Amino acid sequence: MNWDQLIQPLGDGSFDVYPVVELLADIGYTGPIGVQCYNIPGDPFIYLKKSRATWEKWKQQYACTPNKLTETEQQEGWQLLFDGKSVEQWKGVNLDSFPTSGWKVLNGNLIAKAAYGDESGNGGDILTKKKFGQFILKWDWLMETKGGNSGVKYFVQEGIGDNTAYGYGLEYQILDDNNHEWMLNGKMQPNDYHTMGALYELYPASADKRPSPLGLWNTSMIVCEGSRVEHWLNGYKIVEYDRTSDDFKEKIAQSKFRDIPDYGTFATGHILLQDHGSTVQYRNLKIKELP
């Protein structure tokens, strides 16, 4: 892009600066932060006002204690799925308890630890003990592993198939696109239905999605209301589809899930966090059940 597109007020443009500021605060930086916005066509006082408003919003966002419900969230009926300490609401796939290895709670984050990149090859996937139908799910996640892979599945069913460690469900893909081995060897194309934010194997995410750089936090959301489903990433809707549509059914029929009875159409199911052999952190796991 040209410089007139690259230089933007805070909150504008295609790069989300907030995770960078958040990281500075996390590591204890207390020095000044400069905002450079030179030669933007238009009224500089308007841009200054806009940048200041964004900065105030970021301060409020950072001040929110992780893994707690705000007063507004409590009034709206949100529930915590993870309080930063206990894994009481989670268990292993086809297990009665939480895995004894592969996952840990550290500094208020729920962490899947790296193990050779194998799917379910370490502690295995974990899922909520409770099933959900209509809901809004939101969470923060941070990928540590270069080329790493994980995912959040929903409408997950246990006891299907021969692999007892695998839970079948629709998947919000979490991936380090640029460095993943499939991308590097040409097995995956940029922004196809295997990349970050996609409905894995079925629908690609929007090409203008805005992930944070590797090692910084992202905020994701899934909305399941009626038959309509949306995937969101860092405040932008990146996927939308209808679970009852002919297009959805056709895509399943052409996918590797075609032989799984009723795949993707169950009325309720578990929420699942995937252990795919990468180190990925989760926090602020919150859900709001809808009528």
Protein backbone atom coordinates (compact mmCIF):
# COMPACT_ATOMS: atom_id res chain seq x y z
CA MET A 1 0.00 0.00 0.00
CA ASN A 2 0.95 3.63 -0.35
CA TRP A 3 1.83 5.81 2.63
CA ASP A 4 -1.55 7.55 2.54
CA GLN A 5 -3.06 4.14 3.36
CA LEU A 6 -0.41 2.97 5.80
CA ILE A 7 -0.44 5.99 8.14
CA GLN A 8 -3.74 6.01 10.05
CA PRO A 9 -5.21 7.36 13.29
CA LEU A 10 -5.50 4.89 16.17
CA GLY A 11 -8.34 2.44 15.59
CA ASP A 12 -8.26 2.76 11.79
CA GLY A 13 -6.48 0.72 9.13
CA SER A 14 -6.03 -3.02 8.80
CA PHE A 15 -3.55 -3.53 11.66
CA ASP A 16 -4.91 -3.78 15.20
CA VAL A 17 -2.42 -1.85 17.37
CA TYR A 18 -4.14 -2.70 20.66
CA PRO A 19 -2.40 -6.09 21.20
CA VAL A 20 0.97 -4.34 20.91
CA VAL A 21 0.01 -1.78 23.56
CA GLU A 22 -1.45 -4.57 25.69
CA LEU A 23 1.84 -6.49 25.50
CA LEU A 24 3.78 -3.39 26.60
CA ALA A 25 1.49 -3.05 29.61
CA ASP A 26 1.70 -6.78 30.37
CA ILE A 27 5.50 -6.71 30.59
CA GLY A 28 5.45 -3.65 32.82
CA TYR A 29 6.51 -0.91 30.41
CA THR A 30 5.83 2.52 31.97
CA GLY A 31 7.48 4.91 29.51
CA PRO A 32 5.85 7.17 26.93
CA ILE A 33 4.10 5.91 23.80
CA GLY A 34 4.11 8.18 20.76
CA VAL A 35 1.43 8.36 18.10
CA GLN A 36 2.77 9.21 14.64
CA CYS A 37 0.09 10.42 12.22
CA TYR A 38 1.80 12.79 9.84
CA ASN A 39 0.48 13.95 6.44
CA ILE A 40 -2.99 12.39 6.66
CA PRO A 41 -5.31 14.39 4.38
CA GLY A 42 -8.01 16.15 6.37
CA ASP A 43 -8.46 17.96 9.67
CA PRO A 44 -5.77 16.91 12.19
CA PHE A 45 -8.00 17.90 15.13
CA ILE A 46 -10.59 15.34 14.01
CA TYR A 47 -7.91 12.64 13.85
CA LEU A 48 -6.52 13.64 17.23
CA LYS A 49 -10.00 13.41 18.77
CA LYS A 50 -10.53 10.02 17.16
CA SER A 51 -7.14 8.69 18.32
CA ARG A 52 -7.80 9.96 21.85
CA ALA A 53 -11.20 8.21 21.96
CA THR A 54 -9.59 4.96 20.81
CA TRP A 55 -6.89 5.29 23.46
CA GLU A 56 -9.51 5.74 26.18
CA LYS A 57 -11.36 2.67 24.91
CA TRP A 58 -8.12 0.65 25.06
CA LYS A 59 -7.47 1.79 28.63
CA GLN A 60 -10.92 0.59 29.67
CA GLN A 61 -10.41 -2.67 27.80
CA TYR A 62 -7.07 -3.34 29.51
CA ALA A 63 -8.51 -2.47 32.92
CA CYS A 64 -11.04 -5.34 32.67
CA THR A 65 -9.85 -8.17 34.89
CA PRO A 66 -9.41 -11.37 32.83
CA ASN A 67 -11.74 -14.30 33.50
CA LYS A 68 -14.37 -12.22 35.26
CA LEU A 69 -17.79 -11.05 34.15
CA THR A 70 -18.40 -7.34 33.99
CA GLU A 71 -21.52 -5.93 35.62
CA THR A 72 -23.09 -5.53 32.19
CA GLU A 73 -22.26 -9.14 31.24
CA GLN A 74 -23.84 -10.39 34.44
CA GLN A 75 -27.02 -8.44 33.71
CA GLU A 76 -27.10 -9.84 30.15
CA GLY A 77 -26.85 -13.44 31.36
CA TRP A 78 -23.26 -14.33 30.43
CA GLN A 79 -21.58 -17.31 32.13
CA LEU A 80 -17.89 -17.99 32.73
CA LEU A 81 -16.57 -21.27 31.35
CA PHE A 82 -13.18 -20.73 32.98
CA ASP A 83 -12.43 -18.55 36.02
CA GLY A 84 -8.65 -18.52 35.62
CA LYS A 85 -8.15 -21.20 38.28
CA SER A 86 -10.52 -24.15 38.08
CA VAL A 87 -11.15 -26.62 35.24
CA GLU A 88 -14.26 -27.93 36.97
CA GLN A 89 -16.45 -27.24 33.93
CA TRP A 90 -14.19 -29.20 31.54
CA LYS A 91 -13.29 -32.83 30.93
CA GLY A 92 -11.50 -34.98 28.38
CA VAL A 93 -13.33 -36.36 25.35
CA ASN A 94 -15.13 -39.57 26.31
CA LEU A 95 -13.69 -39.22 29.81
CA ASP A 96 -15.28 -38.40 33.15
CA SER A 97 -12.39 -36.23 34.29
CA PHE A 98 -9.91 -33.61 33.09
CA PRO A 99 -6.73 -34.93 31.39
CA THR A 100 -3.82 -35.50 33.76
CA SER A 101 -1.28 -34.23 31.19
CA GLY A 102 -1.09 -31.93 28.20
CA TRP A 103 -3.04 -29.03 29.77
CA LYS A 104 -2.18 -26.65 32.58
CA VAL A 105 -3.51 -23.51 34.26
CA LEU A 106 -0.86 -20.81 34.62
CA ASN A 107 -1.21 -17.08 35.35
CA GLY A 108 -4.96 -17.23 34.79
CA ASN A 109 -4.67 -18.89 31.38
CA LEU A 110 -5.75 -22.35 30.25
CA ILE A 111 -2.83 -23.69 28.21
CA ALA A 112 -2.47 -26.59 25.81
CA LYS A 113 1.20 -27.60 25.84
CA ALA A 114 3.11 -28.46 22.66
CA ALA A 115 3.79 -32.12 21.86
CA TYR A 116 5.18 -32.90 18.41
CA GLY A 117 2.27 -31.33 16.51
CA ASP A 118 0.10 -34.45 16.78
CA GLU A 119 -3.64 -34.08 17.04
CA SER A 120 -4.85 -35.36 20.43
CA GLY A 121 -1.37 -36.77 20.89
CA ASN A 122 -0.67 -35.15 24.24
CA GLY A 123 -3.40 -34.53 26.81
CA GLY A 124 -6.14 -34.74 24.22
CA ASP A 125 -9.00 -32.37 23.46
CA ILE A 126 -11.11 -31.02 26.32
CA LEU A 127 -14.79 -30.11 26.24
CA THR A 128 -17.44 -28.58 28.44
CA LYS A 129 -19.39 -30.99 30.60
CA LYS A 130 -22.52 -29.09 29.64
CA LYS A 131 -24.08 -29.04 26.18
CA PHE A 132 -25.23 -25.83 24.51
CA GLY A 133 -27.66 -25.07 21.69
CA GLN A 134 -28.35 -21.41 20.88
CA PHE A 135 -25.52 -19.25 22.23
CA ILE A 136 -22.89 -16.56 21.84
CA LEU A 137 -19.41 -17.76 22.76
CA LYS A 138 -16.43 -15.44 23.09
CA TRP A 139 -12.84 -16.05 24.17
CA ASP A 140 -9.28 -14.76 23.94
CA TRP A 141 -6.48 -16.91 22.56
CA LEU A 142 -2.75 -16.62 21.97
CA MET A 143 -0.76 -18.96 19.73
CA GLU A 144 2.83 -19.46 20.90
CA THR A 145 3.99 -22.16 18.48
CA LYS A 146 5.26 -21.00 15.09
CA GLY A 147 3.08 -22.73 12.51
CA GLY A 148 0.84 -23.88 15.35
CA ASN A 149 -2.62 -25.41 15.10
CA SER A 150 -5.63 -25.52 17.41
CA GLY A 151 -9.34 -24.90 17.22
CA VAL A 152 -12.60 -24.36 19.06
CA LYS A 153 -15.39 -26.78 18.16
CA TYR A 154 -19.09 -26.45 18.88
CA PHE A 155 -22.11 -28.77 18.70
CA VAL A 156 -19.57 -31.48 19.56
CA GLN A 157 -20.74 -35.08 20.03
CA GLU A 158 -18.93 -37.83 21.91
CA GLY A 159 -18.91 -41.54 21.12
CA ILE A 160 -18.88 -41.13 17.34
CA GLY A 161 -16.27 -42.99 15.29
CA ASP A 162 -13.44 -45.29 16.25
CA ASN A 163 -11.13 -42.61 17.70
CA THR A 164 -12.28 -42.21 21.30
CA ALA A 165 -10.08 -39.11 21.73
CA TYR A 166 -11.83 -37.25 18.90
CA GLY A 167 -14.95 -35.14 19.25
CA TYR A 168 -16.90 -34.44 16.06
CA GLY A 169 -18.19 -30.90 15.73
CA LEU A 170 -18.04 -27.70 13.71
CA GLU A 171 -14.64 -26.05 14.14
CA TYR A 172 -13.51 -22.44 14.37
CA GLN A 173 -9.98 -22.91 13.05
CA ILE A 174 -7.08 -21.45 15.05
CA LEU A 175 -3.86 -21.49 13.04
CA ASP A 176 -0.63 -19.64 12.36
CA ASP A 177 -1.44 -19.44 8.64
CA ASN A 178 1.81 -18.07 7.24
CA ASN A 179 4.09 -20.55 8.98
CA HIS A 180 1.97 -23.69 8.92
CA GLU A 181 3.60 -26.62 7.13
CA TRP A 182 0.58 -27.09 4.84
CA MET A 183 0.93 -23.49 3.65
CA LEU A 184 4.68 -23.83 3.16
CA ASN A 185 4.39 -27.02 1.10
CA GLY A 186 1.40 -25.88 -0.97
CA LYS A 187 -1.13 -28.27 0.56
CA MET A 188 -3.13 -25.28 1.83
CA GLN A 189 -3.89 -22.09 -0.07
CA PRO A 190 -3.98 -18.60 1.48
CA ASN A 191 -7.35 -17.96 3.08
CA ASP A 192 -8.89 -21.32 2.18
CA TYR A 193 -11.23 -23.24 4.49
CA HIS A 194 -8.33 -24.61 6.55
CA THR A 195 -6.94 -21.22 7.60
CA MET A 196 -7.48 -19.09 10.70
CA GLY A 197 -11.07 -18.26 11.53
CA ALA A 198 -12.54 -20.55 8.87
CA LEU A 199 -15.27 -23.09 9.50
CA TYR A 200 -12.77 -25.90 9.11
CA GLU A 201 -13.16 -27.91 5.88
CA LEU A 202 -16.34 -26.05 4.87
CA TYR A 203 -16.23 -22.23 4.68
CA PRO A 204 -13.20 -19.91 4.33
CA ALA A 205 -12.87 -16.79 6.45
CA SER A 206 -13.08 -13.32 4.95
CA ALA A 207 -9.91 -12.31 3.11
CA ASP A 208 -9.68 -9.08 5.12
CA LYS A 209 -9.58 -10.79 8.52
CA ARG A 210 -7.28 -9.06 10.98
CA PRO A 211 -5.41 -11.51 13.22
CA SER A 212 -2.86 -10.30 15.74
CA PRO A 213 0.78 -11.21 15.07
CA LEU A 214 2.02 -14.54 16.40
CA GLY A 215 2.46 -14.37 20.17
CA LEU A 216 -0.18 -11.68 20.79
CA TRP A 217 -3.76 -12.10 21.99
CA ASN A 218 -6.78 -12.38 19.69
CA THR A 219 -10.45 -12.13 20.60
CA SER A 220 -12.87 -14.50 18.84
CA MET A 221 -16.61 -15.00 18.96
CA ILE A 222 -19.12 -17.54 17.64
CA VAL A 223 -22.79 -16.65 17.34
CA CYS A 224 -25.29 -19.51 16.95
CA GLU A 225 -28.81 -18.13 16.69
CA GLY A 226 -31.49 -20.20 15.01
CA SER A 227 -29.82 -21.91 12.06
CA ARG A 228 -27.51 -18.93 11.42
CA VAL A 229 -23.89 -19.07 12.58
CA GLU A 230 -21.23 -16.36 12.57
CA HIS A 231 -17.48 -16.39 13.25
CA TRP A 232 -15.87 -13.16 14.49
CA LEU A 233 -12.20 -12.22 14.90
CA ASN A 234 -10.99 -9.10 16.71
CA GLY A 235 -14.29 -7.29 16.24
CA TYR A 236 -14.92 -8.25 12.59
CA LYS A 237 -17.33 -10.82 11.23
CA ILE A 238 -15.34 -13.22 9.03
CA VAL A 239 -17.72 -16.16 8.40
CA GLU A 240 -21.50 -16.46 8.11
CA TYR A 241 -23.53 -19.51 7.10
CA ASP A 242 -26.84 -21.30 7.60
CA ARG A 243 -26.82 -24.85 9.01
CA THR A 244 -30.09 -25.69 7.24
CA SER A 245 -29.12 -24.39 3.81
CA ASP A 246 -28.57 -26.56 0.74
CA ASP A 247 -25.14 -24.98 0.38
CA PHE A 248 -24.13 -26.15 3.87
CA LYS A 249 -25.40 -29.68 3.23
CA GLU A 250 -23.59 -29.82 -0.12
CA LYS A 251 -20.31 -28.70 1.43
CA ILE A 252 -20.56 -31.42 4.07
CA ALA A 253 -21.30 -34.00 1.36
CA GLN A 254 -18.06 -33.00 -0.38
CA SER A 255 -15.97 -32.91 2.82
CA LYS A 256 -14.14 -35.54 4.84
CA PHE A 257 -17.10 -35.51 7.25
CA ARG A 258 -19.57 -36.81 4.66
CA ASP A 259 -19.84 -40.23 6.29
CA ILE A 260 -20.52 -38.85 9.80
CA PRO A 261 -24.29 -39.11 10.41
CA ASP A 262 -25.97 -35.71 11.03
CA TYR A 263 -22.61 -33.94 11.11
CA GLY A 264 -23.03 -30.26 11.97
CA THR A 265 -26.82 -30.43 12.40
CA PHE A 266 -27.23 -31.45 16.04
CA ALA A 267 -29.44 -29.14 18.10
CA THR A 268 -27.03 -29.14 21.05
CA GLY A 269 -23.45 -30.15 21.76
CA HIS A 270 -20.34 -29.54 23.81
CA ILE A 271 -17.80 -26.72 23.35
CA LEU A 272 -14.35 -28.21 22.68
CA LEU A 273 -10.80 -26.83 22.89
CA GLN A 274 -8.43 -28.71 20.64
CA ASP A 275 -5.07 -30.18 21.59
CA HIS A 276 -3.24 -30.28 18.25
CA GLY A 277 0.30 -30.48 19.57
CA SER A 278 0.86 -26.71 19.74
CA THR A 279 1.20 -24.38 22.69
CA VAL A 280 -1.85 -22.14 22.73
CA GLN A 281 -3.32 -20.15 25.60
CA TYR A 282 -7.00 -19.47 26.32
CA ARG A 283 -8.69 -17.03 28.68
CA ASN A 284 -11.96 -15.08 29.06
CA LEU A 285 -14.04 -18.04 27.93
CA LYS A 286 -17.60 -16.74 28.25
CA ILE A 287 -20.94 -17.93 26.92
CA LYS A 288 -24.43 -16.46 26.76
CA GLU A 289 -27.26 -18.89 26.10
CA LEU A 290 -29.98 -17.59 23.79
CA PRO A 291 -33.68 -18.44 23.82
